């Protein structure tokens, strides 16, 4: 996955520790999303919230990271993103 700099050199220790925890949570979130998509095949973030235990916002934040890593993609129908319930449908690659 893409490396993000979550803190600056001038940030206090508490910010550094919080950033380290955020990285751990992100990995766990990604694992849960991928496992869910592999099990169900295709889903929207709203659908994934019911089975991953994550909020829609948490799922939405991780999907672009997973997309850049080549682990998920948006389902296409006729060259257009598949939309269900107002949200894009995703699948594991």
PDB file of N, CA and C in Angstrom:
ATOM      1  N   UNK A   1       0.819  -1.183   0.000  1.00  0.00           N
ATOM      2  CA  UNK A   1       0.000   0.000   0.000  1.00  0.00           C
ATOM      3  C   UNK A   1       0.863   1.246   0.000  1.00  0.00           C
ATOM      4  N   UNK A   2       0.276   2.328  -0.395  1.00  0.00           N
ATOM      5  CA  UNK A   2       0.983   3.590  -0.462  1.00  0.00           C
ATOM      6  C   UNK A   2       1.319   4.075   0.943  1.00  0.00           C
ATOM      7  N   UNK A   3       2.538   4.567   1.141  1.00  0.00           N
ATOM      8  CA  UNK A   3       2.961   5.086   2.433  1.00  0.00           C
ATOM      9  C   UNK A   3       2.463   6.510   2.568  1.00  0.00           C
ATOM     10  N   UNK A   4       1.854   6.787   3.713  1.00  0.00           N
ATOM     11  CA  UNK A   4       1.390   8.135   3.997  1.00  0.00           C
ATOM     12  C   UNK A   4       2.135   8.650   5.210  1.00  0.00           C
ATOM     13  N   UNK A   5       2.467   9.927   5.197  1.00  0.00           N
ATOM     14  CA  UNK A   5       3.098  10.551   6.345  1.00  0.00           C
ATOM     15  C   UNK A   5       1.994  11.164   7.179  1.00  0.00           C
ATOM     16  N   UNK A   6       1.756  10.574   8.344  1.00  0.00           N
ATOM     17  CA  UNK A   6       0.665  11.013   9.184  1.00  0.00           C
ATOM     18  C   UNK A   6       1.089  12.036  10.226  1.00  0.00           C
ATOM     19  N   UNK A   7       2.388  12.212  10.406  1.00  0.00           N
ATOM     20  CA  UNK A   7       2.878  13.186  11.376  1.00  0.00           C
ATOM     21  C   UNK A   7       4.033  13.980  10.787  1.00  0.00           C
ATOM     22  N   UNK A   8       4.287  15.126  11.393  1.00  0.00           N
ATOM     23  CA  UNK A   8       5.429  15.959  11.024  1.00  0.00           C
ATOM     24  C   UNK A   8       6.504  15.812  12.097  1.00  0.00           C
ATOM     25  N   UNK A   9       7.719  16.144  11.772  1.00  0.00           N
ATOM     26  CA  UNK A   9       8.817  16.047  12.732  1.00  0.00           C
ATOM     27  C   UNK A   9       8.564  16.931  13.953  1.00  0.00           C
ATOM     28  N   UNK A  10       7.811  17.995  13.769  1.00  0.00           N
ATOM     29  CA  UNK A  10       7.548  18.928  14.874  1.00  0.00           C
ATOM     30  C   UNK A  10       6.343  18.532  15.725  1.00  0.00           C
ATOM     31  N   UNK A  11       5.632  17.456  15.354  1.00  0.00           N
ATOM     32  CA  UNK A  11       4.450  17.038  16.115  1.00  0.00           C
ATOM     33  C   UNK A  11       4.856  16.448  17.465  1.00  0.00           C
ATOM     34  N   UNK A  12       3.986  16.612  18.473  1.00  0.00           N
ATOM     35  CA  UNK A  12       4.289  16.044  19.797  1.00  0.00           C
ATOM     36  C   UNK A  12       4.226  14.518  19.776  1.00  0.00           C
ATOM     37  N   UNK A  13       4.801  13.908  20.781  1.00  0.00           N
ATOM     38  CA  UNK A  13       4.848  12.462  20.885  1.00  0.00           C
ATOM     39  C   UNK A  13       3.453  11.842  20.834  1.00  0.00           C
ATOM     40  N   UNK A  14       2.482  12.500  21.429  1.00  0.00           N
ATOM     41  CA  UNK A  14       1.117  11.952  21.416  1.00  0.00           C
ATOM     42  C   UNK A  14       0.593  11.796  19.986  1.00  0.00           C
ATOM     43  N   UNK A  15       0.938  12.712  19.106  1.00  0.00           N
ATOM     44  CA  UNK A  15       0.522  12.616  17.703  1.00  0.00           C
ATOM     45  C   UNK A  15       1.231  11.471  16.991  1.00  0.00           C
ATOM     46  N   UNK A  16       2.493  11.282  17.306  1.00  0.00           N
ATOM     47  CA  UNK A  16       3.252  10.179  16.714  1.00  0.00           C
ATOM     48  C   UNK A  16       2.635   8.845  17.132  1.00  0.00           C
ATOM     49  N   UNK A  17       2.317   8.707  18.404  1.00  0.00           N
ATOM     50  CA  UNK A  17       1.712   7.467  18.905  1.00  0.00           C
ATOM     51  C   UNK A  17       0.332   7.237  18.284  1.00  0.00           C
ATOM     52  N   UNK A  18      -0.444   8.296  18.141  1.00  0.00           N
ATOM     53  CA  UNK A  18      -1.769   8.173  17.523  1.00  0.00           C
ATOM     54  C   UNK A  18      -1.645   7.735  16.062  1.00  0.00           C
ATOM     55  N   UNK A  19      -0.657   8.258  15.354  1.00  0.00           N
ATOM     56  CA  UNK A  19      -0.447   7.881  13.951  1.00  0.00           C
ATOM     57  C   UNK A  19      -0.065   6.410  13.839  1.00  0.00           C
ATOM     58  N   UNK A  20       0.743   5.929  14.757  1.00  0.00           N
ATOM     59  CA  UNK A  20       1.114   4.511  14.749  1.00  0.00           C
ATOM     60  C   UNK A  20      -0.116   3.634  14.951  1.00  0.00           C
ATOM     61  N   UNK A  21      -0.997   4.027  15.826  1.00  0.00           N
ATOM     62  CA  UNK A  21      -2.235   3.274  16.049  1.00  0.00           C
ATOM     63  C   UNK A  21      -3.129   3.317  14.811  1.00  0.00           C
ATOM     64  N   UNK A  22      -3.186   4.475  14.145  1.00  0.00           N
ATOM     65  CA  UNK A  22      -4.020   4.614  12.945  1.00  0.00           C
ATOM     66  C   UNK A  22      -3.554   3.663  11.853  1.00  0.00           C
ATOM     67  N   UNK A  23      -2.257   3.488  11.726  1.00  0.00           N
ATOM     68  CA  UNK A  23      -1.707   2.570  10.722  1.00  0.00           C
ATOM     69  C   UNK A  23      -2.145   1.137  11.037  1.00  0.00           C
ATOM     70  N   UNK A  24      -2.112   0.758  12.309  1.00  0.00           N
ATOM     71  CA  UNK A  24      -2.543  -0.588  12.705  1.00  0.00           C
ATOM     72  C   UNK A  24      -4.025  -0.794  12.391  1.00  0.00           C
ATOM     73  N   UNK A  25      -4.859   0.211  12.719  1.00  0.00           N
ATOM     74  CA  UNK A  25      -6.289   0.105  12.443  1.00  0.00           C
ATOM     75  C   UNK A  25      -6.550   0.001  10.949  1.00  0.00           C
ATOM     76  N   UNK A  26      -5.829   0.780  10.148  1.00  0.00           N
ATOM     77  CA  UNK A  26      -6.041   0.770   8.697  1.00  0.00           C
ATOM     78  C   UNK A  26      -5.800  -0.619   8.128  1.00  0.00           C
ATOM     79  N   UNK A  27      -4.733  -1.268   8.555  1.00  0.00           N
ATOM     80  CA  UNK A  27      -4.438  -2.609   8.067  1.00  0.00           C
ATOM     81  C   UNK A  27      -5.523  -3.595   8.451  1.00  0.00           C
ATOM     82  N   UNK A  28      -5.988  -3.501   9.680  1.00  0.00           N
ATOM     83  CA  UNK A  28      -7.058  -4.369  10.150  1.00  0.00           C
ATOM     84  C   UNK A  28      -8.334  -4.104   9.372  1.00  0.00           C
ATOM     85  N   UNK A  29      -8.638  -2.846   9.119  1.00  0.00           N
ATOM     86  CA  UNK A  29      -9.826  -2.486   8.344  1.00  0.00           C
ATOM     87  C   UNK A  29      -9.732  -3.061   6.933  1.00  0.00           C
ATOM     88  N   UNK A  30      -8.586  -2.904   6.312  1.00  0.00           N
ATOM     89  CA  UNK A  30      -8.400  -3.423   4.949  1.00  0.00           C
ATOM     90  C   UNK A  30      -8.590  -4.933   4.910  1.00  0.00           C
ATOM     91  N   UNK A  31      -8.038  -5.611   5.894  1.00  0.00           N
ATOM     92  CA  UNK A  31      -8.190  -7.071   5.957  1.00  0.00           C
ATOM     93  C   UNK A  31      -9.656  -7.465   6.078  1.00  0.00           C
ATOM     94  N   UNK A  32     -10.406  -6.747   6.902  1.00  0.00           N
ATOM     95  CA  UNK A  32     -11.824  -7.054   7.095  1.00  0.00           C
ATOM     96  C   UNK A  32     -12.628  -6.793   5.829  1.00  0.00           C
ATOM     97  N   UNK A  33     -12.314  -5.702   5.147  1.00  0.00           N
ATOM     98  CA  UNK A  33     -13.024  -5.369   3.901  1.00  0.00           C
ATOM     99  C   UNK A  33     -12.731  -6.423   2.835  1.00  0.00           C
ATOM    100  N   UNK A  34     -11.456  -6.775   2.679  1.00  0.00           N
ATOM    101  CA  UNK A  34     -11.083  -7.779   1.677  1.00  0.00           C
ATOM    102  C   UNK A  34     -11.731  -9.127   1.966  1.00  0.00           C
ATOM    103  N   UNK A  35     -11.721  -9.537   3.214  1.00  0.00           N
ATOM    104  CA  UNK A  35     -12.338 -10.812   3.573  1.00  0.00           C
ATOM    105  C   UNK A  35     -13.825 -10.792   3.250  1.00  0.00           C
ATOM    106  N   UNK A  36     -14.484  -9.678   3.532  1.00  0.00           N
ATOM    107  CA  UNK A  36     -15.909  -9.563   3.255  1.00  0.00           C
ATOM    108  C   UNK A  36     -16.188  -9.633   1.755  1.00  0.00           C
ATOM    109  N   UNK A  37     -15.392  -8.912   0.961  1.00  0.00           N
ATOM    110  CA  UNK A  37     -15.608  -8.926  -0.488  1.00  0.00           C
ATOM    111  C   UNK A  37     -15.315 -10.305  -1.082  1.00  0.00           C
ATOM    112  N   UNK A  38     -14.317 -10.981  -0.564  1.00  0.00           N
ATOM    113  CA  UNK A  38     -14.005 -12.328  -1.065  1.00  0.00           C
ATOM    114  C   UNK A  38     -15.136 -13.299  -0.732  1.00  0.00           C
ATOM    115  N   UNK A  39     -15.764 -13.108   0.408  1.00  0.00           N
ATOM    116  CA  UNK A  39     -16.847 -13.994   0.819  1.00  0.00           C
ATOM    117  C   UNK A  39     -18.131 -13.723   0.041  1.00  0.00           C
ATOM    118  N   UNK A  40     -18.494 -12.438  -0.086  1.00  0.00           N
ATOM    119  CA  UNK A  40     -19.791 -12.123  -0.705  1.00  0.00           C
ATOM    120  C   UNK A  40     -19.704 -11.839  -2.189  1.00  0.00           C
ATOM    121  N   UNK A  41     -18.511 -11.561  -2.703  1.00  0.00           N
ATOM    122  CA  UNK A  41     -18.348 -11.300  -4.139  1.00  0.00           C
ATOM    123  C   UNK A  41     -18.366  -9.825  -4.470  1.00  0.00           C
ATOM    124  N   UNK A  42     -19.501  -9.198  -4.295  1.00  0.00           N
ATOM    125  CA  UNK A  42     -19.641  -7.774  -4.607  1.00  0.00           C
ATOM    126  C   UNK A  42     -20.463  -7.104  -3.515  1.00  0.00           C
ATOM    127  N   UNK A  43     -20.128  -5.845  -3.221  1.00  0.00           N
ATOM    128  CA  UNK A  43     -20.882  -5.126  -2.197  1.00  0.00           C
ATOM    129  C   UNK A  43     -20.595  -3.633  -2.269  1.00  0.00           C
ATOM    130  N   UNK A  44     -21.526  -2.871  -1.749  1.00  0.00           N
ATOM    131  CA  UNK A  44     -21.340  -1.431  -1.574  1.00  0.00           C
ATOM    132  C   UNK A  44     -20.790  -1.205  -0.161  1.00  0.00           C
ATOM    133  N   UNK A  45     -20.229  -0.028   0.102  1.00  0.00           N
ATOM    134  CA  UNK A  45     -19.787   0.259   1.469  1.00  0.00           C
ATOM    135  C   UNK A  45     -20.919   0.118   2.493  1.00  0.00           C
ATOM    136  N   UNK A  46     -22.125   0.504   2.115  1.00  0.00           N
ATOM    137  CA  UNK A  46     -23.267   0.370   3.033  1.00  0.00           C
ATOM    138  C   UNK A  46     -23.535  -1.093   3.363  1.00  0.00           C
ATOM    139  N   UNK A  47     -23.432  -1.947   2.384  1.00  0.00           N
ATOM    140  CA  UNK A  47     -23.635  -3.379   2.612  1.00  0.00           C
ATOM    141  C   UNK A  47     -22.501  -3.963   3.462  1.00  0.00           C
ATOM    142  N   UNK A  48     -21.277  -3.486   3.221  1.00  0.00           N
ATOM    143  CA  UNK A  48     -20.127  -4.006   3.961  1.00  0.00           C
ATOM    144  C   UNK A  48     -20.162  -3.621   5.438  1.00  0.00           C
ATOM    145  N   UNK A  49     -20.790  -2.496   5.747  1.00  0.00           N
ATOM    146  CA  UNK A  49     -20.816  -2.080   7.153  1.00  0.00           C
ATOM    147  C   UNK A  49     -21.539  -3.115   8.017  1.00  0.00           C
ATOM    148  N   UNK A  50     -22.519  -3.781   7.449  1.00  0.00           N
ATOM    149  CA  UNK A  50     -23.304  -4.771   8.206  1.00  0.00           C
ATOM    150  C   UNK A  50     -22.499  -6.008   8.563  1.00  0.00           C
ATOM    151  N   UNK A  51     -21.523  -6.361   7.754  1.00  0.00           N
ATOM    152  CA  UNK A  51     -20.800  -7.618   7.980  1.00  0.00           C
ATOM    153  C   UNK A  51     -19.351  -7.429   8.428  1.00  0.00           C
ATOM    154  N   UNK A  52     -18.811  -6.216   8.287  1.00  0.00           N
ATOM    155  CA  UNK A  52     -17.426  -5.986   8.710  1.00  0.00           C
ATOM    156  C   UNK A  52     -17.332  -5.393  10.107  1.00  0.00           C
ATOM    157  N   UNK A  53     -18.420  -4.802  10.569  1.00  0.00           N
ATOM    158  CA  UNK A  53     -18.373  -4.106  11.849  1.00  0.00           C
ATOM    159  C   UNK A  53     -17.769  -2.716  11.743  1.00  0.00           C
ATOM    160  N   UNK A  54     -17.501  -2.281  10.518  1.00  0.00           N
ATOM    161  CA  UNK A  54     -16.952  -0.945  10.275  1.00  0.00           C
ATOM    162  C   UNK A  54     -18.082  -0.002   9.868  1.00  0.00           C
ATOM    163  N   UNK A  55     -17.848   1.291  10.036  1.00  0.00           N
ATOM    164  CA  UNK A  55     -18.824   2.266   9.562  1.00  0.00           C
ATOM    165  C   UNK A  55     -18.641   2.467   8.063  1.00  0.00           C
ATOM    166  N   UNK A  56     -19.643   3.051   7.434  1.00  0.00           N
ATOM    167  CA  UNK A  56     -19.546   3.366   6.005  1.00  0.00           C
ATOM    168  C   UNK A  56     -18.343   4.274   5.757  1.00  0.00           C
ATOM    169  N   UNK A  57     -18.114   5.230   6.627  1.00  0.00           N
ATOM    170  CA  UNK A  57     -16.982   6.151   6.476  1.00  0.00           C
ATOM    171  C   UNK A  57     -15.660   5.391   6.537  1.00  0.00           C
ATOM    172  N   UNK A  58     -15.529   4.458   7.471  1.00  0.00           N
ATOM    173  CA  UNK A  58     -14.292   3.674   7.568  1.00  0.00           C
ATOM    174  C   UNK A  58     -14.068   2.852   6.301  1.00  0.00           C
ATOM    175  N   UNK A  59     -15.122   2.239   5.791  1.00  0.00           N
ATOM    176  CA  UNK A  59     -15.010   1.456   4.554  1.00  0.00           C
ATOM    177  C   UNK A  59     -14.637   2.374   3.397  1.00  0.00           C
ATOM    178  N   UNK A  60     -15.334   3.509   3.274  1.00  0.00           N
ATOM    179  CA  UNK A  60     -15.059   4.460   2.194  1.00  0.00           C
ATOM    180  C   UNK A  60     -13.626   4.964   2.215  1.00  0.00           C
ATOM    181  N   UNK A  61     -13.050   5.133   3.377  1.00  0.00           N
ATOM    182  CA  UNK A  61     -11.667   5.622   3.475  1.00  0.00           C
ATOM    183  C   UNK A  61     -10.652   4.571   3.042  1.00  0.00           C
ATOM    184  N   UNK A  62     -10.964   3.315   3.233  1.00  0.00           N
ATOM    185  CA  UNK A  62     -10.010   2.247   2.910  1.00  0.00           C
ATOM    186  C   UNK A  62     -10.098   1.771   1.469  1.00  0.00           C
ATOM    187  N   UNK A  63     -11.256   1.895   0.837  1.00  0.00           N
ATOM    188  CA  UNK A  63     -11.395   1.382  -0.532  1.00  0.00           C
ATOM    189  C   UNK A  63     -10.424   2.024  -1.518  1.00  0.00           C
ATOM    190  N   UNK A  64     -10.196   3.346  -1.496  1.00  0.00           N
ATOM    191  CA  UNK A  64      -9.196   3.905  -2.422  1.00  0.00           C
ATOM    192  C   UNK A  64      -7.793   3.352  -2.189  1.00  0.00           C
ATOM    193  N   UNK A  65      -7.437   3.089  -0.934  1.00  0.00           N
ATOM    194  CA  UNK A  65      -6.130   2.493  -0.634  1.00  0.00           C
ATOM    195  C   UNK A  65      -6.044   1.091  -1.241  1.00  0.00           C
ATOM    196  N   UNK A  66      -7.103   0.326  -1.064  1.00  0.00           N
ATOM    197  CA  UNK A  66      -7.140  -1.028  -1.620  1.00  0.00           C
ATOM    198  C   UNK A  66      -7.148  -1.004  -3.147  1.00  0.00           C
ATOM    199  N   UNK A  67      -7.803  -0.009  -3.718  1.00  0.00           N
ATOM    200  CA  UNK A  67      -7.820   0.147  -5.180  1.00  0.00           C
ATOM    201  C   UNK A  67      -6.412   0.428  -5.695  1.00  0.00           C
ATOM    202  N   UNK A  68      -5.699   1.359  -5.063  1.00  0.00           N
ATOM    203  CA  UNK A  68      -4.323   1.683  -5.474  1.00  0.00           C
ATOM    204  C   UNK A  68      -3.394   0.479  -5.327  1.00  0.00           C
ATOM    205  N   UNK A  69      -3.685  -0.361  -4.339  1.00  0.00           N
ATOM    206  CA  UNK A  69      -2.865  -1.553  -4.114  1.00  0.00           C
ATOM    207  C   UNK A  69      -3.238  -2.688  -5.064  1.00  0.00           C
ATOM    208  N   UNK A  70      -4.280  -2.482  -5.880  1.00  0.00           N
ATOM    209  CA  UNK A  70      -4.693  -3.500  -6.839  1.00  0.00           C
ATOM    210  C   UNK A  70      -5.441  -4.674  -6.219  1.00  0.00           C
ATOM    211  N   UNK A  71      -6.036  -4.459  -5.045  1.00  0.00           N
ATOM    212  CA  UNK A  71      -6.729  -5.552  -4.357  1.00  0.00           C
ATOM    213  C   UNK A  71      -8.235  -5.530  -4.556  1.00  0.00           C
ATOM    214  N   UNK A  72      -8.782  -4.394  -4.954  1.00  0.00           N
ATOM    215  CA  UNK A  72     -10.216  -4.277  -5.225  1.00  0.00           C
ATOM    216  C   UNK A  72     -10.414  -3.454  -6.490  1.00  0.00           C
ATOM    217  N   UNK A  73     -11.623  -3.518  -7.013  1.00  0.00           N
ATOM    218  CA  UNK A  73     -11.983  -2.687  -8.156  1.00  0.00           C
ATOM    219  C   UNK A  73     -13.480  -2.396  -8.091  1.00  0.00           C
ATOM    220  N   UNK A  74     -13.866  -1.344  -8.792  1.00  0.00           N
ATOM    221  CA  UNK A  74     -15.274  -1.006  -8.921  1.00  0.00           C
ATOM    222  C   UNK A  74     -15.850  -1.899 -10.010  1.00  0.00           C
ATOM    223  N   UNK A  75     -16.999  -2.478  -9.756  1.00  0.00           N
ATOM    224  CA  UNK A  75     -17.659  -3.341 -10.739  1.00  0.00           C
ATOM    225  C   UNK A  75     -18.180  -2.455 -11.873  1.00  0.00           C
ATOM    226  N   UNK A  76     -17.910  -2.866 -13.098  1.00  0.00           N
ATOM    227  CA  UNK A  76     -18.335  -2.124 -14.284  1.00  0.00           C
ATOM    228  C   UNK A  76     -19.366  -2.933 -15.063  1.00  0.00           C
ATOM    229  N   UNK A  77     -20.333  -2.247 -15.606  1.00  0.00           N
ATOM    230  CA  UNK A  77     -21.312  -2.837 -16.514  1.00  0.00           C
ATOM    231  C   UNK A  77     -21.380  -1.940 -17.738  1.00  0.00           C
ATOM    232  N   UNK A  78     -20.949  -2.457 -18.875  1.00  0.00           N
ATOM    233  CA  UNK A  78     -20.954  -1.664 -20.091  1.00  0.00           C
ATOM    234  C   UNK A  78     -20.064  -0.439 -20.006  1.00  0.00           C
ATOM    235  N   UNK A  79     -18.953  -0.540 -19.267  1.00  0.00           N
ATOM    236  CA  UNK A  79     -18.012   0.566 -19.145  1.00  0.00           C
ATOM    237  C   UNK A  79     -18.439   1.650 -18.162  1.00  0.00           C
ATOM    238  N   UNK A  80     -19.481   1.378 -17.397  1.00  0.00           N
ATOM    239  CA  UNK A  80     -19.988   2.350 -16.428  1.00  0.00           C
ATOM    240  C   UNK A  80     -19.971   1.706 -15.040  1.00  0.00           C
ATOM    241  N   UNK A  81     -19.621   2.499 -14.019  1.00  0.00           N
ATOM    242  CA  UNK A  81     -19.623   1.975 -12.658  1.00  0.00           C
ATOM    243  C   UNK A  81     -21.002   1.461 -12.284  1.00  0.00           C
ATOM    244  N   UNK A  82     -21.048   0.279 -11.703  1.00  0.00           N
ATOM    245  CA  UNK A  82     -22.304  -0.283 -11.217  1.00  0.00           C
ATOM    246  C   UNK A  82     -22.647   0.420  -9.901  1.00  0.00           C
ATOM    247  N   UNK A  83     -23.858   0.964  -9.833  1.00  0.00           N
ATOM    248  CA  UNK A  83     -24.332   1.683  -8.657  1.00  0.00           C
ATOM    249  C   UNK A  83     -25.519   0.929  -8.067  1.00  0.00           C
ATOM    250  N   UNK A  84     -25.478   0.760  -6.739  1.00  0.00           N
ATOM    251  CA  UNK A  84     -26.596   0.116  -6.057  1.00  0.00           C
ATOM    252  C   UNK A  84     -26.875   0.934  -4.795  1.00  0.00           C
ATOM    253  N   UNK A  85     -28.121   1.372  -4.653  1.00  0.00           N
ATOM    254  CA  UNK A  85     -28.465   2.173  -3.477  1.00  0.00           C
ATOM    255  C   UNK A  85     -27.709   3.484  -3.421  1.00  0.00           C
ATOM    256  N   UNK A  86     -27.334   4.021  -4.572  1.00  0.00           N
ATOM    257  CA  UNK A  86     -26.611   5.297  -4.628  1.00  0.00           C
ATOM    258  C   UNK A  86     -25.130   5.188  -4.399  1.00  0.00           C
ATOM    259  N   UNK A  87     -24.593   3.974  -4.267  1.00  0.00           N
ATOM    260  CA  UNK A  87     -23.157   3.796  -4.016  1.00  0.00           C
ATOM    261  C   UNK A  87     -22.546   2.830  -5.019  1.00  0.00           C
ATOM    262  N   UNK A  88     -21.268   3.031  -5.304  1.00  0.00           N
ATOM    263  CA  UNK A  88     -20.572   2.117  -6.213  1.00  0.00           C
ATOM    264  C   UNK A  88     -20.449   0.737  -5.606  1.00  0.00           C
ATOM    265  N   UNK A  89     -20.478  -0.259  -6.462  1.00  0.00           N
ATOM    266  CA  UNK A  89     -20.328  -1.657  -6.054  1.00  0.00           C
ATOM    267  C   UNK A  89     -18.875  -2.059  -6.274  1.00  0.00           C
ATOM    268  N   UNK A  90     -18.286  -2.714  -5.279  1.00  0.00           N
ATOM    269  CA  UNK A  90     -16.880  -3.115  -5.295  1.00  0.00           C
ATOM    270  C   UNK A  90     -16.763  -4.632  -5.265  1.00  0.00           C
ATOM    271  N   UNK A  91     -15.597  -5.115  -5.745  1.00  0.00           N
ATOM    272  CA  UNK A  91     -15.283  -6.543  -5.644  1.00  0.00           C
ATOM    273  C   UNK A  91     -13.789  -6.703  -5.444  1.00  0.00           C
ATOM    274  N   UNK A  92     -13.408  -7.823  -4.838  1.00  0.00           N
ATOM    275  CA  UNK A  92     -11.993  -8.149  -4.659  1.00  0.00           C
ATOM    276  C   UNK A  92     -11.421  -8.580  -5.997  1.00  0.00           C
ATOM    277  N   UNK A  93     -10.142  -8.325  -6.188  1.00  0.00           N
ATOM    278  CA  UNK A  93      -9.462  -8.707  -7.426  1.00  0.00           C
ATOM    279  C   UNK A  93      -8.769 -10.035  -7.210  1.00  0.00           C
TER     280      UNK A  93
END
